[in-house]
């Protein structure tokens, strides 16, 4: 339907509004896409991602809005917004760690080069050793951030559509009773 996620969400909200206005909110009041005034690509989208959400349900060539699924969709959008702001914070932290590692690496290499050229002073070697330990700690912190980001994605991926199960041969969602 749409390539941008925000636009896709907005289109779902607009379609849900059309379903409500026309009264297609139960299997008994289901209507065709033409009666609902939906775009021609709606039926194609129902066979793909849109149908998998369970928000709009097909019954014998007619469609209705599943209010419960739509509420769940709205809640997921709010949770997704919170998750995105959390991920932005993690990305900022990750960028700071990367920049610190890079600057520290350049500083270590510079000190090694200066120490070789200036007569190999013991105090500079101690400073280099301390900086290498700090660099290793930053590397471990970066690995922690990467591992945590992967865990967060897996957790959220498992809750994308918790009540929708897809039959193996079709793309029509099975709605639990």
N, C-alpha and C. Protein backbone atom coordinates (compact mmCIF):
# COMPACT_ATOMS: atom_id res chain seq x y z
N UNK A 1 0.82 -1.19 0.00
CA UNK A 1 0.00 0.00 0.00
C UNK A 1 0.86 1.25 0.00
N UNK A 2 1.83 1.30 0.91
CA UNK A 2 2.67 2.47 1.03
C UNK A 2 4.07 2.04 1.44
N UNK A 3 5.05 2.82 1.04
CA UNK A 3 6.43 2.46 1.37
C UNK A 3 6.86 3.07 2.70
N UNK A 4 6.32 4.21 3.09
CA UNK A 4 6.70 4.84 4.34
C UNK A 4 5.81 4.33 5.46
N UNK A 5 6.40 3.84 6.58
CA UNK A 5 5.60 3.29 7.67
C UNK A 5 4.56 4.26 8.23
N UNK A 6 4.91 5.51 8.42
CA UNK A 6 3.97 6.48 8.96
C UNK A 6 2.77 6.67 8.05
N UNK A 7 3.01 6.69 6.75
CA UNK A 7 1.94 6.86 5.78
C UNK A 7 1.06 5.61 5.78
N UNK A 8 1.66 4.44 5.92
CA UNK A 8 0.90 3.19 5.96
C UNK A 8 -0.05 3.19 7.15
N UNK A 9 0.45 3.60 8.32
CA UNK A 9 -0.39 3.66 9.53
C UNK A 9 -1.54 4.63 9.35
N UNK A 10 -1.24 5.77 8.75
CA UNK A 10 -2.29 6.77 8.55
C UNK A 10 -3.36 6.26 7.59
N UNK A 11 -2.96 5.54 6.56
CA UNK A 11 -3.94 4.97 5.64
C UNK A 11 -4.83 3.94 6.32
N UNK A 12 -4.25 3.16 7.21
CA UNK A 12 -5.06 2.19 7.95
C UNK A 12 -6.09 2.93 8.80
N UNK A 13 -5.67 4.01 9.45
CA UNK A 13 -6.61 4.79 10.26
C UNK A 13 -7.73 5.37 9.40
N UNK A 14 -7.38 5.89 8.23
CA UNK A 14 -8.40 6.45 7.34
C UNK A 14 -9.36 5.37 6.84
N UNK A 15 -8.83 4.20 6.50
CA UNK A 15 -9.70 3.11 6.07
C UNK A 15 -10.60 2.65 7.20
N UNK A 16 -10.07 2.58 8.41
CA UNK A 16 -10.88 2.19 9.56
C UNK A 16 -12.03 3.18 9.74
N UNK A 17 -11.75 4.45 9.54
CA UNK A 17 -12.79 5.47 9.64
C UNK A 17 -13.88 5.24 8.59
N UNK A 18 -13.48 4.88 7.37
CA UNK A 18 -14.47 4.59 6.31
C UNK A 18 -15.34 3.40 6.70
N UNK A 19 -14.71 2.36 7.25
CA UNK A 19 -15.46 1.19 7.67
C UNK A 19 -16.49 1.58 8.74
N UNK A 20 -16.08 2.41 9.69
CA UNK A 20 -17.00 2.85 10.75
C UNK A 20 -18.13 3.69 10.18
N UNK A 21 -17.79 4.63 9.29
CA UNK A 21 -18.82 5.49 8.70
C UNK A 21 -19.87 4.68 7.94
N UNK A 22 -19.42 3.65 7.25
CA UNK A 22 -20.34 2.81 6.47
C UNK A 22 -21.01 1.74 7.33
N UNK A 23 -20.52 1.54 8.55
CA UNK A 23 -21.11 0.56 9.46
C UNK A 23 -20.62 -0.86 9.26
N UNK A 24 -19.51 -1.04 8.57
CA UNK A 24 -18.96 -2.39 8.32
C UNK A 24 -18.03 -2.77 9.47
N UNK A 25 -18.65 -3.12 10.62
CA UNK A 25 -17.86 -3.42 11.81
C UNK A 25 -18.14 -4.81 12.38
N UNK A 26 -18.85 -5.62 11.62
CA UNK A 26 -19.12 -7.00 12.05
C UNK A 26 -19.29 -7.87 10.81
N UNK A 27 -19.21 -9.19 10.96
CA UNK A 27 -19.39 -10.07 9.80
C UNK A 27 -20.76 -9.88 9.12
N UNK A 28 -21.78 -9.55 9.91
CA UNK A 28 -23.12 -9.37 9.34
C UNK A 28 -23.23 -8.09 8.51
N UNK A 29 -22.46 -7.07 8.86
CA UNK A 29 -22.54 -5.80 8.15
C UNK A 29 -21.40 -5.60 7.16
N UNK A 30 -20.67 -6.67 6.83
CA UNK A 30 -19.52 -6.57 5.91
C UNK A 30 -19.96 -6.06 4.55
N UNK A 31 -19.06 -5.33 3.88
CA UNK A 31 -19.34 -4.74 2.56
C UNK A 31 -18.18 -5.00 1.62
N UNK A 32 -18.44 -4.88 0.34
CA UNK A 32 -17.37 -5.03 -0.65
C UNK A 32 -16.49 -3.78 -0.62
N UNK A 33 -15.31 -3.90 -1.18
CA UNK A 33 -14.39 -2.76 -1.20
C UNK A 33 -14.96 -1.60 -2.02
N UNK A 34 -15.76 -1.93 -3.05
CA UNK A 34 -16.39 -0.88 -3.85
C UNK A 34 -17.45 -0.14 -3.03
N UNK A 35 -18.25 -0.88 -2.26
CA UNK A 35 -19.27 -0.24 -1.42
C UNK A 35 -18.63 0.67 -0.37
N UNK A 36 -17.47 0.27 0.10
CA UNK A 36 -16.77 1.05 1.11
C UNK A 36 -15.99 2.23 0.52
N UNK A 37 -15.85 2.24 -0.80
CA UNK A 37 -15.12 3.31 -1.47
C UNK A 37 -13.62 3.22 -1.25
N UNK A 38 -13.10 2.00 -1.19
CA UNK A 38 -11.67 1.79 -0.95
C UNK A 38 -10.91 1.77 -2.27
N UNK A 39 -9.62 2.05 -2.24
CA UNK A 39 -8.83 2.04 -3.48
C UNK A 39 -8.74 0.64 -4.07
N UNK A 40 -8.51 0.53 -5.38
CA UNK A 40 -8.45 -0.78 -6.04
C UNK A 40 -7.37 -1.70 -5.48
N UNK A 41 -6.32 -1.14 -4.93
CA UNK A 41 -5.22 -1.97 -4.41
C UNK A 41 -5.55 -2.58 -3.04
N UNK A 42 -6.69 -2.23 -2.46
CA UNK A 42 -7.04 -2.73 -1.14
C UNK A 42 -7.10 -4.25 -1.11
N UNK A 43 -7.77 -4.84 -2.09
CA UNK A 43 -7.91 -6.30 -2.11
C UNK A 43 -6.55 -6.99 -2.28
N UNK A 44 -5.69 -6.41 -3.08
CA UNK A 44 -4.34 -6.96 -3.25
C UNK A 44 -3.55 -6.86 -1.94
N UNK A 45 -3.69 -5.72 -1.26
CA UNK A 45 -3.00 -5.51 0.01
C UNK A 45 -3.52 -6.47 1.08
N UNK A 46 -4.80 -6.83 1.01
CA UNK A 46 -5.38 -7.77 1.98
C UNK A 46 -4.74 -9.15 1.85
N UNK A 47 -4.25 -9.48 0.68
CA UNK A 47 -3.60 -10.78 0.48
C UNK A 47 -2.16 -10.77 1.00
N UNK A 48 -1.70 -9.60 1.39
CA UNK A 48 -0.32 -9.48 1.86
C UNK A 48 -0.30 -8.98 3.30
N UNK A 49 0.45 -7.95 3.55
CA UNK A 49 0.68 -7.46 4.91
C UNK A 49 -0.60 -6.97 5.59
N UNK A 50 -1.43 -6.25 4.88
CA UNK A 50 -2.64 -5.70 5.48
C UNK A 50 -3.56 -6.81 6.00
N UNK A 51 -3.69 -7.88 5.24
CA UNK A 51 -4.52 -8.99 5.68
C UNK A 51 -3.95 -9.71 6.89
N UNK A 52 -2.64 -9.71 7.01
CA UNK A 52 -1.99 -10.38 8.13
C UNK A 52 -2.21 -9.66 9.45
N UNK A 53 -2.53 -8.38 9.40
CA UNK A 53 -2.74 -7.64 10.64
C UNK A 53 -4.02 -8.08 11.34
N UNK A 54 -5.01 -8.54 10.58
CA UNK A 54 -6.28 -8.93 11.18
C UNK A 54 -7.19 -7.74 11.47
N UNK A 55 -6.79 -6.55 11.08
CA UNK A 55 -7.61 -5.36 11.33
C UNK A 55 -8.85 -5.39 10.44
N UNK A 56 -8.66 -5.73 9.18
CA UNK A 56 -9.76 -5.85 8.25
C UNK A 56 -9.91 -7.33 7.92
N UNK A 57 -11.14 -7.83 8.02
CA UNK A 57 -11.39 -9.25 7.85
C UNK A 57 -12.28 -9.47 6.63
N UNK A 58 -11.92 -10.47 5.82
CA UNK A 58 -12.70 -10.80 4.63
C UNK A 58 -13.67 -11.94 4.96
N UNK A 59 -14.92 -11.75 4.55
CA UNK A 59 -15.95 -12.79 4.71
C UNK A 59 -16.69 -12.88 3.39
N UNK A 60 -16.39 -13.91 2.60
CA UNK A 60 -17.09 -14.11 1.33
C UNK A 60 -16.98 -12.95 0.36
N UNK A 61 -15.81 -12.37 0.22
CA UNK A 61 -15.62 -11.26 -0.72
C UNK A 61 -16.02 -9.91 -0.15
N UNK A 62 -16.49 -9.89 1.09
CA UNK A 62 -16.84 -8.64 1.75
C UNK A 62 -15.91 -8.45 2.95
N UNK A 63 -15.81 -7.20 3.39
CA UNK A 63 -14.84 -6.87 4.44
C UNK A 63 -15.52 -6.13 5.59
N UNK A 64 -14.97 -6.33 6.78
CA UNK A 64 -15.41 -5.56 7.94
C UNK A 64 -14.21 -5.23 8.82
N UNK A 65 -14.39 -4.23 9.67
CA UNK A 65 -13.34 -3.78 10.58
C UNK A 65 -13.44 -4.56 11.88
N UNK A 66 -12.34 -5.17 12.27
CA UNK A 66 -12.25 -5.85 13.56
C UNK A 66 -11.76 -4.81 14.57
N UNK A 67 -12.71 -4.29 15.35
CA UNK A 67 -12.41 -3.19 16.28
C UNK A 67 -11.34 -3.57 17.29
N UNK A 68 -11.38 -4.81 17.79
CA UNK A 68 -10.39 -5.24 18.78
C UNK A 68 -8.99 -5.20 18.19
N UNK A 69 -8.83 -5.72 16.96
CA UNK A 69 -7.52 -5.69 16.31
C UNK A 69 -7.06 -4.26 16.04
N UNK A 70 -8.02 -3.40 15.68
CA UNK A 70 -7.66 -2.02 15.42
C UNK A 70 -7.17 -1.35 16.69
N UNK A 71 -7.83 -1.61 17.84
CA UNK A 71 -7.37 -1.05 19.11
C UNK A 71 -5.97 -1.57 19.45
N UNK A 72 -5.73 -2.87 19.21
CA UNK A 72 -4.40 -3.44 19.44
C UNK A 72 -3.37 -2.76 18.55
N UNK A 73 -3.76 -2.50 17.30
CA UNK A 73 -2.88 -1.82 16.35
C UNK A 73 -2.52 -0.43 16.89
N UNK A 74 -3.51 0.31 17.37
CA UNK A 74 -3.28 1.64 17.92
C UNK A 74 -2.34 1.57 19.12
N UNK A 75 -2.55 0.57 19.98
CA UNK A 75 -1.68 0.42 21.15
C UNK A 75 -0.25 0.10 20.72
N UNK A 76 -0.11 -0.77 19.71
CA UNK A 76 1.24 -1.10 19.22
C UNK A 76 1.92 0.13 18.66
N UNK A 77 1.14 1.01 18.03
CA UNK A 77 1.74 2.23 17.48
C UNK A 77 2.28 3.11 18.60
N UNK A 78 1.54 3.20 19.69
CA UNK A 78 2.01 3.99 20.83
C UNK A 78 3.25 3.34 21.45
N UNK A 79 3.24 2.02 21.59
CA UNK A 79 4.41 1.32 22.12
C UNK A 79 5.59 1.46 21.17
N UNK A 80 5.30 1.41 19.87
CA UNK A 80 6.36 1.57 18.87
C UNK A 80 7.00 2.93 18.95
N UNK A 81 6.20 3.96 19.22
CA UNK A 81 6.74 5.30 19.36
C UNK A 81 7.69 5.35 20.55
N UNK A 82 7.27 4.75 21.67
CA UNK A 82 8.12 4.72 22.85
C UNK A 82 9.40 3.93 22.57
N UNK A 83 9.26 2.82 21.87
CA UNK A 83 10.42 1.99 21.54
C UNK A 83 11.38 2.74 20.64
N UNK A 84 10.84 3.48 19.65
CA UNK A 84 11.71 4.23 18.75
C UNK A 84 12.50 5.30 19.49
N UNK A 85 11.87 5.97 20.46
CA UNK A 85 12.61 6.98 21.21
C UNK A 85 13.68 6.32 22.08
N UNK A 86 13.37 5.10 22.60
CA UNK A 86 14.36 4.36 23.38
C UNK A 86 15.53 3.94 22.49
N UNK A 87 15.21 3.49 21.27
CA UNK A 87 16.26 3.07 20.35
C UNK A 87 17.11 4.27 19.92
N UNK A 88 16.49 5.45 19.80
CA UNK A 88 17.26 6.64 19.44
C UNK A 88 18.28 6.95 20.53
N UNK A 89 17.87 6.79 21.78
CA UNK A 89 18.80 7.01 22.89
C UNK A 89 19.95 6.02 22.82
N UNK A 90 19.64 4.75 22.53
CA UNK A 90 20.68 3.73 22.41
C UNK A 90 21.62 4.05 21.26
N UNK A 91 21.07 4.52 20.14
CA UNK A 91 21.91 4.87 19.00
C UNK A 91 22.84 6.03 19.34
N UNK A 92 22.31 7.02 20.07
CA UNK A 92 23.17 8.15 20.48
C UNK A 92 24.31 7.65 21.37
N UNK A 93 23.97 6.77 22.32
CA UNK A 93 25.01 6.23 23.20
C UNK A 93 26.04 5.44 22.40
N UNK A 94 25.55 4.66 21.44
CA UNK A 94 26.44 3.86 20.61
C UNK A 94 27.36 4.77 19.80
N UNK A 95 26.84 5.84 19.27
CA UNK A 95 27.67 6.78 18.50
C UNK A 95 28.73 7.41 19.38
N UNK A 96 28.36 7.77 20.60
CA UNK A 96 29.33 8.37 21.51
C UNK A 96 30.45 7.38 21.84
N UNK A 97 30.09 6.13 22.05
CA UNK A 97 31.11 5.11 22.34
C UNK A 97 32.02 4.92 21.14
N UNK A 98 31.46 4.87 19.95
CA UNK A 98 32.28 4.70 18.74
C UNK A 98 33.25 5.86 18.56
N UNK A 99 32.75 7.08 18.74
CA UNK A 99 33.61 8.26 18.59
C UNK A 99 34.72 8.24 19.64
N UNK A 100 34.37 7.91 20.89
CA UNK A 100 35.37 7.85 21.96
C UNK A 100 36.44 6.82 21.65
N UNK A 101 36.02 5.64 21.14
CA UNK A 101 37.00 4.61 20.78
C UNK A 101 37.93 5.09 19.67
N UNK A 102 37.36 5.77 18.69
CA UNK A 102 38.17 6.24 17.57
C UNK A 102 39.18 7.30 18.04
N UNK A 103 38.72 8.25 18.82
CA UNK A 103 39.61 9.30 19.33
C UNK A 103 40.69 8.69 20.22
N UNK A 104 40.30 7.78 21.06
CA UNK A 104 41.24 7.12 21.95
C UNK A 104 42.29 6.33 21.16
N UNK A 105 41.85 5.63 20.12
CA UNK A 105 42.78 4.89 19.27
C UNK A 105 43.80 5.79 18.60
N UNK A 106 43.32 6.93 18.10
CA UNK A 106 44.23 7.90 17.47
C UNK A 106 45.21 8.45 18.50
N UNK A 107 44.72 8.73 19.71
CA UNK A 107 45.59 9.23 20.77
C UNK A 107 46.65 8.20 21.14
N UNK A 108 46.26 6.94 21.26
CA UNK A 108 47.22 5.88 21.60
C UNK A 108 48.30 5.77 20.52
N UNK A 109 47.89 5.73 19.25
CA UNK A 109 48.87 5.64 18.17
C UNK A 109 49.79 6.86 18.14
N UNK A 110 49.22 8.04 18.39
CA UNK A 110 50.04 9.25 18.42
C UNK A 110 51.07 9.20 19.54
N UNK A 111 50.64 8.77 20.72
CA UNK A 111 51.57 8.68 21.85
C UNK A 111 52.67 7.66 21.59
N UNK A 112 52.33 6.54 20.98
CA UNK A 112 53.35 5.53 20.65
C UNK A 112 54.38 6.12 19.69
N UNK A 113 53.89 6.80 18.66
CA UNK A 113 54.78 7.41 17.68
C UNK A 113 55.67 8.48 18.33
N UNK A 114 55.08 9.36 19.13
CA UNK A 114 55.85 10.41 19.80
C UNK A 114 56.87 9.80 20.76
N UNK A 115 56.46 8.75 21.48
CA UNK A 115 57.37 8.13 22.43
C UNK A 115 58.57 7.49 21.73
N UNK A 116 58.36 6.87 20.57
CA UNK A 116 59.48 6.30 19.82
C UNK A 116 60.43 7.40 19.34
N UNK A 117 59.88 8.51 18.92
CA UNK A 117 60.70 9.59 18.39
C UNK A 117 61.38 10.43 19.47
N UNK A 118 60.81 10.44 20.69
CA UNK A 118 61.36 11.32 21.73
C UNK A 118 62.21 10.62 22.76
N UNK A 119 62.48 9.37 22.63
CA UNK A 119 63.40 8.72 23.55
C UNK A 119 62.80 7.70 24.48
N UNK A 120 61.64 7.24 24.23
CA UNK A 120 61.03 6.15 25.00
C UNK A 120 60.99 6.45 26.50
N UNK A 121 60.10 7.32 26.89
CA UNK A 121 59.94 7.72 28.29
C UNK A 121 58.98 6.73 28.97
N UNK A 122 59.33 6.25 30.15
CA UNK A 122 58.55 5.24 30.88
C UNK A 122 57.16 5.74 31.24
N UNK A 123 57.03 6.99 31.64
CA UNK A 123 55.74 7.56 32.03
C UNK A 123 54.76 7.55 30.85
N UNK A 124 55.25 7.81 29.66
CA UNK A 124 54.39 7.78 28.47
C UNK A 124 53.91 6.35 28.20
N UNK A 125 54.80 5.35 28.40
CA UNK A 125 54.39 3.95 28.22
C UNK A 125 53.29 3.56 29.21
N UNK A 126 53.37 4.05 30.42
CA UNK A 126 52.33 3.78 31.42
C UNK A 126 51.01 4.42 30.99
N UNK A 127 51.09 5.65 30.50
CA UNK A 127 49.88 6.34 30.01
C UNK A 127 49.27 5.58 28.83
N UNK A 128 50.12 5.07 27.94
CA UNK A 128 49.64 4.29 26.79
C UNK A 128 48.93 3.03 27.28
N UNK A 129 49.52 2.34 28.26
CA UNK A 129 48.91 1.12 28.80
C UNK A 129 47.54 1.42 29.41
N UNK A 130 47.44 2.52 30.16
CA UNK A 130 46.15 2.90 30.76
C UNK A 130 45.13 3.21 29.66
N UNK A 131 45.54 3.94 28.65
CA UNK A 131 44.63 4.27 27.55
C UNK A 131 44.18 3.01 26.80
N UNK A 132 45.05 2.02 26.65
CA UNK A 132 44.68 0.77 26.00
C UNK A 132 43.62 0.04 26.83
N UNK A 133 43.78 0.06 28.15
CA UNK A 133 42.77 -0.57 29.03
C UNK A 133 41.42 0.14 28.87
N UNK A 134 41.43 1.47 28.83
CA UNK A 134 40.20 2.23 28.64
C UNK A 134 39.59 1.90 27.28
N UNK A 135 40.41 1.80 26.26
CA UNK A 135 39.93 1.46 24.91
C UNK A 135 39.27 0.08 24.91
N UNK A 136 39.86 -0.89 25.61
CA UNK A 136 39.28 -2.24 25.70
C UNK A 136 37.93 -2.17 26.43
N UNK A 137 37.84 -1.38 27.49
CA UNK A 137 36.57 -1.22 28.21
C UNK A 137 35.49 -0.63 27.30
N UNK A 138 35.86 0.37 26.51
CA UNK A 138 34.90 0.95 25.56
C UNK A 138 34.47 -0.08 24.51
N UNK A 139 35.38 -0.95 24.09
CA UNK A 139 35.04 -2.00 23.14
C UNK A 139 34.02 -2.96 23.74
N UNK A 140 34.23 -3.33 25.00
CA UNK A 140 33.28 -4.21 25.69
C UNK A 140 31.92 -3.53 25.81
N UNK A 141 31.91 -2.23 26.13
CA UNK A 141 30.67 -1.48 26.22
C UNK A 141 29.94 -1.45 24.88
N UNK A 142 30.69 -1.29 23.80
CA UNK A 142 30.08 -1.29 22.48
C UNK A 142 29.48 -2.65 22.16
N UNK A 143 30.16 -3.71 22.51
CA UNK A 143 29.62 -5.06 22.30
C UNK A 143 28.34 -5.24 23.11
N UNK A 144 28.31 -4.72 24.33
CA UNK A 144 27.11 -4.79 25.17
C UNK A 144 25.95 -4.08 24.49
N UNK A 145 26.18 -2.87 23.97
CA UNK A 145 25.12 -2.14 23.28
C UNK A 145 24.60 -2.90 22.07
N UNK A 146 25.51 -3.48 21.30
CA UNK A 146 25.10 -4.24 20.12
C UNK A 146 24.27 -5.45 20.52
N UNK A 147 24.71 -6.18 21.54
CA UNK A 147 23.96 -7.35 22.00
C UNK A 147 22.60 -6.95 22.56
N UNK A 148 22.53 -5.86 23.29
CA UNK A 148 21.27 -5.41 23.87
C UNK A 148 20.30 -4.96 22.78
N UNK A 149 20.80 -4.29 21.75
CA UNK A 149 19.94 -3.85 20.65
C UNK A 149 19.34 -5.06 19.93
N UNK A 150 20.12 -6.11 19.74
CA UNK A 150 19.61 -7.33 19.10
C UNK A 150 18.54 -7.99 19.94
N UNK A 151 18.73 -8.02 21.26
CA UNK A 151 17.75 -8.62 22.16
C UNK A 151 16.44 -7.83 22.13
N UNK A 152 16.53 -6.50 22.10
CA UNK A 152 15.34 -5.66 22.06
C UNK A 152 14.56 -5.91 20.78
N UNK A 153 15.25 -6.00 19.65
CA UNK A 153 14.57 -6.26 18.38
C UNK A 153 13.87 -7.60 18.39
N UNK A 154 14.51 -8.64 18.96
CA UNK A 154 13.89 -9.96 19.01
C UNK A 154 12.65 -9.94 19.87
N UNK A 155 12.69 -9.25 21.00
CA UNK A 155 11.54 -9.18 21.88
C UNK A 155 10.37 -8.52 21.19
N UNK A 156 10.63 -7.41 20.51
CA UNK A 156 9.55 -6.70 19.84
C UNK A 156 9.05 -7.46 18.62
N UNK A 157 9.94 -8.15 17.92
CA UNK A 157 9.52 -8.90 16.74
C UNK A 157 8.55 -10.01 17.12
N UNK A 158 8.72 -10.61 18.29
CA UNK A 158 7.83 -11.67 18.72
C UNK A 158 6.46 -11.19 19.11
N UNK A 159 6.29 -9.88 19.34
CA UNK A 159 5.00 -9.36 19.77
C UNK A 159 4.33 -8.52 18.69
N UNK A 160 4.80 -8.60 17.46
CA UNK A 160 4.26 -7.76 16.40
C UNK A 160 2.75 -7.95 16.23
N UNK A 161 2.31 -9.17 16.01
CA UNK A 161 0.89 -9.47 15.88
C UNK A 161 0.60 -10.70 16.73
N UNK A 162 0.46 -10.54 18.04
CA UNK A 162 0.41 -11.69 18.93
C UNK A 162 -0.82 -12.57 18.77
N UNK A 163 -1.95 -12.05 18.29
CA UNK A 163 -3.17 -12.85 18.22
C UNK A 163 -3.50 -13.34 16.82
N UNK A 164 -2.62 -13.11 15.85
CA UNK A 164 -2.89 -13.51 14.48
C UNK A 164 -2.04 -14.72 14.13
N UNK A 165 -2.69 -15.77 13.66
CA UNK A 165 -1.96 -16.94 13.17
C UNK A 165 -2.27 -17.11 11.71
N UNK A 166 -1.28 -17.43 10.93
CA UNK A 166 -1.43 -17.55 9.49
C UNK A 166 -1.45 -19.03 9.13
N UNK A 167 -2.47 -19.44 8.39
CA UNK A 167 -2.53 -20.81 7.91
C UNK A 167 -1.42 -21.04 6.90
N UNK A 168 -0.92 -22.27 6.78
CA UNK A 168 0.26 -22.52 5.95
C UNK A 168 0.00 -22.33 4.47
N UNK A 169 -1.21 -22.52 3.97
CA UNK A 169 -1.46 -22.44 2.54
C UNK A 169 -2.04 -21.10 2.09
N UNK A 170 -2.54 -20.31 3.01
CA UNK A 170 -3.23 -19.08 2.62
C UNK A 170 -2.60 -17.89 3.31
N UNK A 171 -3.01 -16.70 2.88
CA UNK A 171 -2.54 -15.48 3.53
C UNK A 171 -3.68 -14.85 4.33
N UNK A 172 -4.75 -15.60 4.58
CA UNK A 172 -5.87 -15.09 5.33
C UNK A 172 -5.65 -15.36 6.81
N UNK A 173 -5.78 -14.34 7.66
CA UNK A 173 -5.56 -14.55 9.09
C UNK A 173 -6.67 -15.38 9.72
N UNK A 174 -6.29 -16.21 10.68
CA UNK A 174 -7.27 -16.95 11.45
C UNK A 174 -7.57 -16.13 12.69
N UNK A 175 -8.81 -15.73 12.88
CA UNK A 175 -9.18 -14.92 14.00
C UNK A 175 -9.63 -15.83 15.13
N UNK A 176 -8.97 -15.73 16.31
CA UNK A 176 -9.37 -16.59 17.42
C UNK A 176 -10.77 -16.25 17.92
N UNK A 177 -11.46 -17.23 18.46
CA UNK A 177 -12.83 -17.01 18.94
C UNK A 177 -12.84 -16.31 20.27
